[in-house]
Amino acid sequence: MAVVLIVDDRAEIRTLLRAVIEREGHQSLVAESAHEARLLLDKGPAPALLCTDVGLPGENGIDFVIKLRNSAAYGNLAVLFVT
């Protein structure tokens, strides 16, 4: 079982992605902003995949991923952009 972090500001997209991921037997963590996602990352568990919207409010998905990739903990995190 893998952990997938879903970050999207639209509730219907978060719900859809969570349903698909969990139906396949994986665990999902869900956030509506980059800030909220960072809080989840600080708590753990560490995700194997980040599925993020590009057009997030505040910090966008691309900037969020760039910052994660520059960190030691998440430099190799697999990313799927959704828009």
Protein backbone atom coordinates (compact mmCIF):
# COMPACT_ATOMS: atom_id res chain seq x y z
CA MET A 1 0.00 0.00 0.00
CA ALA A 2 1.34 3.41 -1.01
CA VAL A 3 0.50 6.77 0.50
CA VAL A 4 -0.64 9.45 -1.97
CA LEU A 5 -0.85 13.14 -1.08
CA ILE A 6 -3.63 14.91 -3.01
CA VAL A 7 -3.53 18.72 -3.14
CA ASP A 8 -6.37 20.54 -4.92
CA ASP A 9 -8.49 23.54 -4.02
CA ARG A 10 -11.61 22.02 -5.58
CA ALA A 11 -13.47 19.66 -3.24
CA GLU A 12 -14.97 17.61 -6.06
CA ILE A 13 -11.52 16.86 -7.51
CA ARG A 14 -10.14 15.90 -4.08
CA THR A 15 -13.10 13.60 -3.52
CA LEU A 16 -12.75 11.94 -6.94
CA LEU A 17 -8.99 11.39 -6.63
CA ARG A 18 -9.32 10.08 -3.08
CA ALA A 19 -12.01 7.59 -4.16
CA VAL A 20 -9.88 6.24 -7.03
CA ILE A 21 -6.73 5.96 -4.91
CA GLU A 22 -8.47 4.27 -2.00
CA ARG A 23 -10.41 1.93 -4.30
CA GLU A 24 -7.03 0.68 -5.53
CA GLY A 25 -6.01 -0.07 -1.95
CA HIS A 26 -3.79 2.92 -1.25
CA GLN A 27 -3.92 5.46 1.56
CA SER A 28 -4.66 9.08 0.71
CA LEU A 29 -3.81 12.31 2.45
CA VAL A 30 -5.84 15.30 1.26
CA ALA A 31 -5.11 19.04 1.39
CA GLU A 32 -6.68 22.06 -0.29
CA SER A 33 -3.54 24.22 -0.36
CA ALA A 34 0.25 23.97 -0.36
CA HIS A 35 0.25 25.27 3.21
CA GLU A 36 -2.11 22.53 4.38
CA ALA A 37 -0.07 19.93 2.47
CA ARG A 38 3.10 21.01 4.30
CA LEU A 39 1.34 20.46 7.62
CA LEU A 40 0.43 16.92 6.53
CA LEU A 41 4.00 16.29 5.36
CA ASP A 42 5.31 17.40 8.75
CA LYS A 43 3.00 14.90 10.52
CA GLY A 44 3.65 11.94 8.24
CA PRO A 45 3.40 9.35 6.90
CA ALA A 46 5.63 10.26 3.96
CA PRO A 47 3.85 9.91 0.62
CA ALA A 48 5.16 7.90 -2.32
CA LEU A 49 3.29 10.16 -4.75
CA LEU A 50 2.15 13.78 -4.77
CA CYS A 51 -0.87 14.53 -6.94
CA THR A 52 -1.24 18.31 -7.06
CA ASP A 53 -3.21 20.94 -8.90
CA VAL A 54 -1.13 23.56 -10.70
CA GLY A 55 -3.49 26.46 -9.96
CA LEU A 56 -3.61 26.40 -6.17
CA PRO A 57 -4.56 29.53 -4.22
CA GLY A 58 -1.58 31.24 -2.61
CA GLU A 59 1.46 29.18 -3.52
CA ASN A 60 0.83 27.41 -6.84
CA GLY A 61 1.50 23.73 -7.39
CA ILE A 62 4.66 24.27 -9.45
CA ASP A 63 6.32 26.43 -6.80
CA PHE A 64 5.24 23.96 -4.13
CA VAL A 65 6.90 21.08 -5.99
CA ILE A 66 10.08 23.07 -6.65
CA LYS A 67 10.44 23.75 -2.93
CA LEU A 68 9.79 20.10 -2.08
CA ARG A 69 12.32 18.93 -4.65
CA ASN A 70 14.93 21.18 -3.03
CA SER A 71 14.46 19.46 0.32
CA ALA A 72 16.42 16.41 1.41
CA ALA A 73 13.30 14.56 2.53
CA TYR A 74 11.27 14.95 -0.69
CA GLY A 75 13.86 15.48 -3.42
CA ASN A 76 12.85 12.25 -5.17
CA LEU A 77 9.10 12.36 -4.57
CA ALA A 78 7.06 11.26 -7.60
CA VAL A 79 4.72 14.04 -8.77
CA LEU A 80 1.59 14.05 -10.92
CA PHE A 81 0.29 17.49 -11.91
CA VAL A 82 -3.46 17.88 -12.36
CA THR A 83 -5.05 20.95 -13.88
